């Protein structure tokens, strides 16, 4: 059932994201094409449009993260969603994992857009460049340290963004508590900032305890990077799990649908 929830969520969000992805890639190609023509006015307009599309992508990612959780689980649609033979954890996780997936996909589309513009503006033959790119990647992953560092960078980005999404979910959920019935939006807004302050101070306290264990005399930056990144991943993952459990508890025990 969880797979079905994820598929449904992917389709629902895809109706917004995929047209935007297509528009970004098309605009990138057009900017690349017009870069070889002395039509600066058109280039300027296309660049402004592409910039607007990237801003829209960032804003829509945040809006959909909030809307899909709130509308589907905490408003009228919640009456239907909570009649499904699934747990609240599965409902939350389906929203969460799809938000992560589309955030990663948005990042990939942004990178592809940048690559398209760069290659077309510089008139580089992509067929000639591919071997150099592959050789560079081979050098990066030639050692275990390179592989570990690359994976840690990706994992760090994922856990940091995961915590951000779950803080949004918990803030919205806290706004649904019966005691805040008349001030739901205000409560959710204030809760988000309070959560950030509390979590920041907790992580700072933990870091102050753990930081002396880091060997600052490590001669290789890669080793120090692995140590610090591992700490970040572990702490953010633990915080994310705790946030997830709080959200699940509110939806199970304190749910107050609009």
C-alpha atoms as a PDB file:
ATOM      1  CA  UNK A   1       0.000   0.000   0.000  1.00  0.00           C
ATOM      2  CA  UNK A   2       2.914   2.333   0.713  1.00  0.00           C
ATOM      3  CA  UNK A   3       4.112   1.893  -2.884  1.00  0.00           C
ATOM      4  CA  UNK A   4       0.660   2.876  -4.153  1.00  0.00           C
ATOM      5  CA  UNK A   5       0.672   5.985  -1.955  1.00  0.00           C
ATOM      6  CA  UNK A   6       4.086   6.973  -3.306  1.00  0.00           C
ATOM      7  CA  UNK A   7       2.957   6.399  -6.916  1.00  0.00           C
ATOM      8  CA  UNK A   8      -0.148   8.510  -6.341  1.00  0.00           C
ATOM      9  CA  UNK A   9       1.933  11.273  -4.786  1.00  0.00           C
ATOM     10  CA  UNK A  10       4.478  11.147  -7.616  1.00  0.00           C
ATOM     11  CA  UNK A  11       1.743  11.580 -10.216  1.00  0.00           C
ATOM     12  CA  UNK A  12       0.018  14.368  -8.307  1.00  0.00           C
ATOM     13  CA  UNK A  13       3.239  16.386  -7.943  1.00  0.00           C
ATOM     14  CA  UNK A  14       4.451  15.464 -11.412  1.00  0.00           C
ATOM     15  CA  UNK A  15       1.582  17.405 -12.996  1.00  0.00           C
ATOM     16  CA  UNK A  16       3.230  20.548 -11.641  1.00  0.00           C
ATOM     17  CA  UNK A  17       6.920  19.689 -11.810  1.00  0.00           C
ATOM     18  CA  UNK A  18       7.359  18.046 -15.219  1.00  0.00           C
ATOM     19  CA  UNK A  19       5.945  20.936 -17.296  1.00  0.00           C
ATOM     20  CA  UNK A  20       8.268  23.233 -15.338  1.00  0.00           C
ATOM     21  CA  UNK A  21      11.240  20.940 -15.930  1.00  0.00           C
ATOM     22  CA  UNK A  22      10.426  20.892 -19.645  1.00  0.00           C
ATOM     23  CA  UNK A  23      10.181  24.686 -19.771  1.00  0.00           C
ATOM     24  CA  UNK A  24      13.558  25.074 -18.000  1.00  0.00           C
ATOM     25  CA  UNK A  25      15.338  22.692 -20.387  1.00  0.00           C
ATOM     26  CA  UNK A  26      13.747  24.299 -23.462  1.00  0.00           C
ATOM     27  CA  UNK A  27      14.741  27.778 -22.278  1.00  0.00           C
ATOM     28  CA  UNK A  28      18.283  26.539 -21.624  1.00  0.00           C
ATOM     29  CA  UNK A  29      18.557  25.227 -25.176  1.00  0.00           C
ATOM     30  CA  UNK A  30      17.169  28.482 -26.588  1.00  0.00           C
ATOM     31  CA  UNK A  31      19.674  30.549 -24.564  1.00  0.00           C
ATOM     32  CA  UNK A  32      22.452  28.321 -25.872  1.00  0.00           C
ATOM     33  CA  UNK A  33      21.260  28.740 -29.463  1.00  0.00           C
ATOM     34  CA  UNK A  34      20.872  32.518 -29.280  1.00  0.00           C
ATOM     35  CA  UNK A  35      24.248  32.885 -27.534  1.00  0.00           C
ATOM     36  CA  UNK A  36      25.878  32.447 -30.939  1.00  0.00           C
ATOM     37  CA  UNK A  37      23.768  35.216 -32.457  1.00  0.00           C
ATOM     38  CA  UNK A  38      24.242  38.917 -31.800  1.00  0.00           C
ATOM     39  CA  UNK A  39      20.698  39.427 -30.543  1.00  0.00           C
ATOM     40  CA  UNK A  40      21.416  40.672 -27.047  1.00  0.00           C
ATOM     41  CA  UNK A  41      17.822  41.771 -26.381  1.00  0.00           C
ATOM     42  CA  UNK A  42      16.512  38.252 -27.003  1.00  0.00           C
ATOM     43  CA  UNK A  43      19.330  36.739 -24.934  1.00  0.00           C
ATOM     44  CA  UNK A  44      18.467  39.073 -22.069  1.00  0.00           C
ATOM     45  CA  UNK A  45      14.773  38.229 -22.209  1.00  0.00           C
ATOM     46  CA  UNK A  46      15.470  34.485 -22.321  1.00  0.00           C
ATOM     47  CA  UNK A  47      17.867  34.755 -19.375  1.00  0.00           C
ATOM     48  CA  UNK A  48      15.276  36.661 -17.335  1.00  0.00           C
ATOM     49  CA  UNK A  49      12.638  34.045 -18.190  1.00  0.00           C
ATOM     50  CA  UNK A  50      14.958  31.187 -17.196  1.00  0.00           C
ATOM     51  CA  UNK A  51      15.835  32.937 -13.935  1.00  0.00           C
ATOM     52  CA  UNK A  52      12.110  33.333 -13.243  1.00  0.00           C
ATOM     53  CA  UNK A  53      11.564  29.630 -13.927  1.00  0.00           C
ATOM     54  CA  UNK A  54      14.294  28.671 -11.448  1.00  0.00           C
ATOM     55  CA  UNK A  55      12.754  30.941  -8.823  1.00  0.00           C
ATOM     56  CA  UNK A  56       9.346  29.404  -9.553  1.00  0.00           C
ATOM     57  CA  UNK A  57      10.861  25.930  -9.184  1.00  0.00           C
ATOM     58  CA  UNK A  58      12.248  26.755  -5.750  1.00  0.00           C
ATOM     59  CA  UNK A  59       9.031  28.399  -4.570  1.00  0.00           C
ATOM     60  CA  UNK A  60       6.795  25.632  -5.938  1.00  0.00           C
ATOM     61  CA  UNK A  61       8.953  22.962  -4.294  1.00  0.00           C
ATOM     62  CA  UNK A  62       8.357  24.602  -0.919  1.00  0.00           C
ATOM     63  CA  UNK A  63       4.669  25.311  -1.568  1.00  0.00           C
ATOM     64  CA  UNK A  64       3.938  21.749  -2.706  1.00  0.00           C
ATOM     65  CA  UNK A  65       5.798  20.354   0.292  1.00  0.00           C
ATOM     66  CA  UNK A  66       3.443  22.304   2.548  1.00  0.00           C
ATOM     67  CA  UNK A  67       0.301  21.944   0.467  1.00  0.00           C
ATOM     68  CA  UNK A  68       0.461  18.208  -0.184  1.00  0.00           C
ATOM     69  CA  UNK A  69       0.935  17.461   3.516  1.00  0.00           C
ATOM     70  CA  UNK A  70      -1.622  19.919   4.839  1.00  0.00           C
ATOM     71  CA  UNK A  71      -4.323  19.526   2.204  1.00  0.00           C
ATOM     72  CA  UNK A  72      -4.176  15.722   2.007  1.00  0.00           C
ATOM     73  CA  UNK A  73      -3.804  14.924   5.693  1.00  0.00           C
ATOM     74  CA  UNK A  74      -5.050  17.838   7.770  1.00  0.00           C
ATOM     75  CA  UNK A  75      -7.952  19.274   5.793  1.00  0.00           C
ATOM     76  CA  UNK A  76     -11.096  17.745   4.263  1.00  0.00           C
ATOM     77  CA  UNK A  77      -9.155  15.153   2.239  1.00  0.00           C
ATOM     78  CA  UNK A  78      -7.790  13.855   5.538  1.00  0.00           C
ATOM     79  CA  UNK A  79     -11.125  12.226   6.309  1.00  0.00           C
ATOM     80  CA  UNK A  80     -10.620  10.005   3.269  1.00  0.00           C
ATOM     81  CA  UNK A  81      -6.872   9.454   3.694  1.00  0.00           C
ATOM     82  CA  UNK A  82      -7.216   8.236   7.275  1.00  0.00           C
ATOM     83  CA  UNK A  83      -9.853   5.684   6.270  1.00  0.00           C
ATOM     84  CA  UNK A  84      -7.278   3.903   4.103  1.00  0.00           C
ATOM     85  CA  UNK A  85      -5.809   0.671   5.516  1.00  0.00           C
ATOM     86  CA  UNK A  86      -2.435   2.305   6.204  1.00  0.00           C
ATOM     87  CA  UNK A  87      -0.763   3.751   9.254  1.00  0.00           C
ATOM     88  CA  UNK A  88      -0.141   7.444   9.795  1.00  0.00           C
ATOM     89  CA  UNK A  89       3.591   6.720   9.472  1.00  0.00           C
ATOM     90  CA  UNK A  90       3.059   5.411   5.947  1.00  0.00           C
ATOM     91  CA  UNK A  91       1.008   8.466   5.002  1.00  0.00           C
ATOM     92  CA  UNK A  92       3.691  10.803   6.344  1.00  0.00           C
ATOM     93  CA  UNK A  93       6.516   8.820   4.779  1.00  0.00           C
ATOM     94  CA  UNK A  94       4.877   8.829   1.335  1.00  0.00           C
ATOM     95  CA  UNK A  95       4.677  12.636   1.406  1.00  0.00           C
ATOM     96  CA  UNK A  96       8.194  12.917   2.764  1.00  0.00           C
ATOM     97  CA  UNK A  97       9.921  10.550   0.346  1.00  0.00           C
ATOM     98  CA  UNK A  98       8.255  12.106  -2.709  1.00  0.00           C
ATOM     99  CA  UNK A  99       9.335  15.579  -1.562  1.00  0.00           C
ATOM    100  CA  UNK A 100      12.906  14.304  -1.327  1.00  0.00           C
ATOM    101  CA  UNK A 101      12.688  12.623  -4.737  1.00  0.00           C
ATOM    102  CA  UNK A 102      11.430  15.728  -6.515  1.00  0.00           C
ATOM    103  CA  UNK A 103      14.000  17.908  -4.759  1.00  0.00           C
ATOM    104  CA  UNK A 104      16.763  15.633  -6.064  1.00  0.00           C
ATOM    105  CA  UNK A 105      15.190  15.613  -9.529  1.00  0.00           C
ATOM    106  CA  UNK A 106      14.949  19.426  -9.466  1.00  0.00           C
ATOM    107  CA  UNK A 107      18.657  19.614  -8.615  1.00  0.00           C
ATOM    108  CA  UNK A 108      19.493  17.250 -11.495  1.00  0.00           C
ATOM    109  CA  UNK A 109      17.419  19.309 -13.955  1.00  0.00           C
ATOM    110  CA  UNK A 110      19.173  22.489 -12.752  1.00  0.00           C
ATOM    111  CA  UNK A 111      22.595  20.895 -13.305  1.00  0.00           C
ATOM    112  CA  UNK A 112      21.593  19.651 -16.774  1.00  0.00           C
ATOM    113  CA  UNK A 113      20.322  23.141 -17.617  1.00  0.00           C
ATOM    114  CA  UNK A 114      23.644  24.679 -16.584  1.00  0.00           C
ATOM    115  CA  UNK A 115      25.595  22.081 -18.576  1.00  0.00           C
ATOM    116  CA  UNK A 116      23.479  22.685 -21.709  1.00  0.00           C
ATOM    117  CA  UNK A 117      24.010  26.447 -21.553  1.00  0.00           C
ATOM    118  CA  UNK A 118      27.741  26.126 -20.811  1.00  0.00           C
ATOM    119  CA  UNK A 119      28.405  23.641 -23.619  1.00  0.00           C
ATOM    120  CA  UNK A 120      26.366  25.528 -26.227  1.00  0.00           C
ATOM    121  CA  UNK A 121      27.785  28.943 -25.327  1.00  0.00           C
ATOM    122  CA  UNK A 122      31.364  27.693 -25.362  1.00  0.00           C
ATOM    123  CA  UNK A 123      30.757  25.742 -28.595  1.00  0.00           C
ATOM    124  CA  UNK A 124      32.301  22.657 -27.035  1.00  0.00           C
ATOM    125  CA  UNK A 125      31.787  19.381 -28.858  1.00  0.00           C
ATOM    126  CA  UNK A 126      30.113  17.240 -26.218  1.00  0.00           C
ATOM    127  CA  UNK A 127      31.412  14.037 -27.837  1.00  0.00           C
ATOM    128  CA  UNK A 128      34.976  15.278 -27.319  1.00  0.00           C
ATOM    129  CA  UNK A 129      34.266  16.330 -23.734  1.00  0.00           C
ATOM    130  CA  UNK A 130      32.708  13.065 -22.520  1.00  0.00           C
ATOM    131  CA  UNK A 131      36.051  11.145 -22.313  1.00  0.00           C
ATOM    132  CA  UNK A 132      37.567  13.974 -20.221  1.00  0.00           C
ATOM    133  CA  UNK A 133      34.560  13.966 -17.890  1.00  0.00           C
ATOM    134  CA  UNK A 134      34.743  10.192 -17.491  1.00  0.00           C
ATOM    135  CA  UNK A 135      38.485  10.350 -16.768  1.00  0.00           C
ATOM    136  CA  UNK A 136      37.899  13.068 -14.167  1.00  0.00           C
ATOM    137  CA  UNK A 137      35.188  11.001 -12.487  1.00  0.00           C
ATOM    138  CA  UNK A 138      37.476   7.983 -12.600  1.00  0.00           C
ATOM    139  CA  UNK A 139      40.147   9.962 -10.738  1.00  0.00           C
ATOM    140  CA  UNK A 140      37.632  11.035  -8.088  1.00  0.00           C
ATOM    141  CA  UNK A 141      36.426   7.485  -7.492  1.00  0.00           C
ATOM    142  CA  UNK A 142      39.864   5.921  -7.874  1.00  0.00           C
ATOM    143  CA  UNK A 143      40.256   5.591  -4.130  1.00  0.00           C
ATOM    144  CA  UNK A 144      37.916   4.571  -1.351  1.00  0.00           C
ATOM    145  CA  UNK A 145      38.355   8.019   0.198  1.00  0.00           C
ATOM    146  CA  UNK A 146      37.011   9.673  -2.937  1.00  0.00           C
ATOM    147  CA  UNK A 147      33.977   7.396  -2.986  1.00  0.00           C
ATOM    148  CA  UNK A 148      33.282   7.913   0.727  1.00  0.00           C
ATOM    149  CA  UNK A 149      33.639  11.692   0.462  1.00  0.00           C
ATOM    150  CA  UNK A 150      31.296  11.883  -2.535  1.00  0.00           C
ATOM    151  CA  UNK A 151      28.685   9.712  -0.847  1.00  0.00           C
ATOM    152  CA  UNK A 152      28.940  11.739   2.356  1.00  0.00           C
ATOM    153  CA  UNK A 153      28.361  14.989   0.450  1.00  0.00           C
ATOM    154  CA  UNK A 154      25.191  13.575  -1.123  1.00  0.00           C
ATOM    155  CA  UNK A 155      24.037  11.997   2.130  1.00  0.00           C
ATOM    156  CA  UNK A 156      24.649  15.223   4.060  1.00  0.00           C
ATOM    157  CA  UNK A 157      22.549  17.201   1.583  1.00  0.00           C
ATOM    158  CA  UNK A 158      19.730  14.658   1.853  1.00  0.00           C
ATOM    159  CA  UNK A 159      19.624  14.509   5.676  1.00  0.00           C
ATOM    160  CA  UNK A 160      19.842  18.301   6.033  1.00  0.00           C
ATOM    161  CA  UNK A 161      16.944  18.781   3.619  1.00  0.00           C
ATOM    162  CA  UNK A 162      15.046  15.909   5.258  1.00  0.00           C
ATOM    163  CA  UNK A 163      15.222  17.654   8.610  1.00  0.00           C
ATOM    164  CA  UNK A 164      13.966  20.866   6.984  1.00  0.00           C
ATOM    165  CA  UNK A 165      10.927  19.106   5.473  1.00  0.00           C
ATOM    166  CA  UNK A 166      10.084  17.321   8.722  1.00  0.00           C
ATOM    167  CA  UNK A 167      10.308  20.581  10.668  1.00  0.00           C
ATOM    168  CA  UNK A 168       7.736  22.017   8.270  1.00  0.00           C
ATOM    169  CA  UNK A 169       5.503  18.953   8.727  1.00  0.00           C
ATOM    170  CA  UNK A 170       5.751  19.099  12.522  1.00  0.00           C
ATOM    171  CA  UNK A 171       5.048  22.837  12.596  1.00  0.00           C
ATOM    172  CA  UNK A 172       1.911  22.356  10.495  1.00  0.00           C
ATOM    173  CA  UNK A 173       0.846  19.428  12.678  1.00  0.00           C
ATOM    174  CA  UNK A 174       1.314  21.485  15.851  1.00  0.00           C
ATOM    175  CA  UNK A 175      -0.942  24.138  14.355  1.00  0.00           C
ATOM    176  CA  UNK A 176      -3.684  21.499  14.153  1.00  0.00           C
ATOM    177  CA  UNK A 177      -3.687  20.783  17.869  1.00  0.00           C
ATOM    178  CA  UNK A 178      -7.124  21.475  19.409  1.00  0.00           C
ATOM    179  CA  UNK A 179      -5.702  24.056  21.812  1.00  0.00           C
ATOM    180  CA  UNK A 180      -4.638  26.212  18.844  1.00  0.00           C
ATOM    181  CA  UNK A 181      -7.850  25.727  16.884  1.00  0.00           C
ATOM    182  CA  UNK A 182      -8.425  29.471  16.306  1.00  0.00           C
ATOM    183  CA  UNK A 183      -4.824  30.281  15.400  1.00  0.00           C
ATOM    184  CA  UNK A 184      -3.684  27.360  13.272  1.00  0.00           C
ATOM    185  CA  UNK A 185      -1.657  29.236  10.664  1.00  0.00           C
ATOM    186  CA  UNK A 186      -0.054  31.550  13.208  1.00  0.00           C
ATOM    187  CA  UNK A 187       0.803  28.624  15.471  1.00  0.00           C
ATOM    188  CA  UNK A 188       2.371  26.698  12.600  1.00  0.00           C
ATOM    189  CA  UNK A 189       4.421  29.757  11.597  1.00  0.00           C
ATOM    190  CA  UNK A 190       5.681  30.436  15.129  1.00  0.00           C
ATOM    191  CA  UNK A 191       6.268  26.726  15.791  1.00  0.00           C
ATOM    192  CA  UNK A 192       8.628  26.514  12.839  1.00  0.00           C
ATOM    193  CA  UNK A 193      10.885  29.237  14.227  1.00  0.00           C
ATOM    194  CA  UNK A 194      10.751  27.844  17.774  1.00  0.00           C
ATOM    195  CA  UNK A 195      11.661  24.367  16.483  1.00  0.00           C
ATOM    196  CA  UNK A 196      14.612  25.815  14.598  1.00  0.00           C
ATOM    197  CA  UNK A 197      15.895  27.582  17.708  1.00  0.00           C
ATOM    198  CA  UNK A 198      15.491  24.506  19.931  1.00  0.00           C
ATOM    199  CA  UNK A 199      17.058  22.106  17.437  1.00  0.00           C
ATOM    200  CA  UNK A 200      19.924  24.492  16.678  1.00  0.00           C
ATOM    201  CA  UNK A 201      20.818  24.778  20.364  1.00  0.00           C
ATOM    202  CA  UNK A 202      20.579  21.030  20.907  1.00  0.00           C
ATOM    203  CA  UNK A 203      22.881  20.358  17.960  1.00  0.00           C
ATOM    204  CA  UNK A 204      25.282  23.061  19.118  1.00  0.00           C
ATOM    205  CA  UNK A 205      25.374  21.493  22.589  1.00  0.00           C
ATOM    206  CA  UNK A 206      26.108  18.058  21.113  1.00  0.00           C
ATOM    207  CA  UNK A 207      28.754  19.484  18.779  1.00  0.00           C
ATOM    208  CA  UNK A 208      30.484  21.242  21.687  1.00  0.00           C
ATOM    209  CA  UNK A 209      30.741  17.874  23.417  1.00  0.00           C
ATOM    210  CA  UNK A 210      31.881  15.930  20.365  1.00  0.00           C
ATOM    211  CA  UNK A 211      34.140  18.495  18.677  1.00  0.00           C
ATOM    212  CA  UNK A 212      37.115  17.924  21.030  1.00  0.00           C
ATOM    213  CA  UNK A 213      37.226  14.351  19.725  1.00  0.00           C
ATOM    214  CA  UNK A 214      37.971  15.603  16.213  1.00  0.00           C
ATOM    215  CA  UNK A 215      41.639  15.451  15.412  1.00  0.00           C
ATOM    216  CA  UNK A 216      42.294  18.966  14.093  1.00  0.00           C
ATOM    217  CA  UNK A 217      45.894  17.973  13.400  1.00  0.00           C
ATOM    218  CA  UNK A 218      44.827  15.604  10.653  1.00  0.00           C
ATOM    219  CA  UNK A 219      47.101  16.401   7.739  1.00  0.00           C
ATOM    220  CA  UNK A 220      44.668  15.279   5.060  1.00  0.00           C
ATOM    221  CA  UNK A 221      41.631  17.488   4.657  1.00  0.00           C
ATOM    222  CA  UNK A 222      39.669  14.512   3.328  1.00  0.00           C
ATOM    223  CA  UNK A 223      39.990  12.677   6.662  1.00  0.00           C
ATOM    224  CA  UNK A 224      38.785  15.689   8.647  1.00  0.00           C
ATOM    225  CA  UNK A 225      35.941  16.182   6.175  1.00  0.00           C
ATOM    226  CA  UNK A 226      34.832  12.553   6.620  1.00  0.00           C
ATOM    227  CA  UNK A 227      34.862  12.907  10.415  1.00  0.00           C
ATOM    228  CA  UNK A 228      32.824  16.120  10.463  1.00  0.00           C
ATOM    229  CA  UNK A 229      30.407  14.986   7.733  1.00  0.00           C
ATOM    230  CA  UNK A 230      29.778  11.697   9.518  1.00  0.00           C
ATOM    231  CA  UNK A 231      28.841  13.636  12.652  1.00  0.00           C
ATOM    232  CA  UNK A 232      26.476  15.878  10.665  1.00  0.00           C
ATOM    233  CA  UNK A 233      24.783  12.917   8.977  1.00  0.00           C
ATOM    234  CA  UNK A 234      24.286  11.033  12.262  1.00  0.00           C
ATOM    235  CA  UNK A 235      22.949  14.022  14.209  1.00  0.00           C
ATOM    236  CA  UNK A 236      20.620  15.221  11.458  1.00  0.00           C
ATOM    237  CA  UNK A 237      19.357  11.675  10.902  1.00  0.00           C
ATOM    238  CA  UNK A 238      18.588  11.247  14.621  1.00  0.00           C
ATOM    239  CA  UNK A 239      16.804  14.617  14.763  1.00  0.00           C
ATOM    240  CA  UNK A 240      14.807  13.706  11.637  1.00  0.00           C
ATOM    241  CA  UNK A 241      13.685  10.419  13.181  1.00  0.00           C
ATOM    242  CA  UNK A 242      12.580  12.206  16.371  1.00  0.00           C
ATOM    243  CA  UNK A 243      10.672  14.805  14.333  1.00  0.00           C
ATOM    244  CA  UNK A 244       9.022  12.019  12.337  1.00  0.00           C
ATOM    245  CA  UNK A 245       7.897  10.288  15.527  1.00  0.00           C
ATOM    246  CA  UNK A 246       6.419  13.503  16.932  1.00  0.00           C
ATOM    247  CA  UNK A 247       4.473  14.092  13.700  1.00  0.00           C
ATOM    248  CA  UNK A 248       3.184  10.526  13.782  1.00  0.00           C
ATOM    249  CA  UNK A 249       2.137  10.902  17.439  1.00  0.00           C
ATOM    250  CA  UNK A 250       0.154  14.094  16.732  1.00  0.00           C
ATOM    251  CA  UNK A 251      -1.606  12.539  13.746  1.00  0.00           C
ATOM    252  CA  UNK A 252      -2.396   9.379  15.721  1.00  0.00           C
ATOM    253  CA  UNK A 253      -3.430  10.914  19.066  1.00  0.00           C
ATOM    254  CA  UNK A 254      -4.148  14.624  18.613  1.00  0.00           C
ATOM    255  CA  UNK A 255      -5.472  14.942  15.072  1.00  0.00           C
ATOM    256  CA  UNK A 256      -7.933  17.787  14.627  1.00  0.00           C
ATOM    257  CA  UNK A 257      -9.045  17.953  10.990  1.00  0.00           C
ATOM    258  CA  UNK A 258     -10.323  21.183   9.492  1.00  0.00           C
END
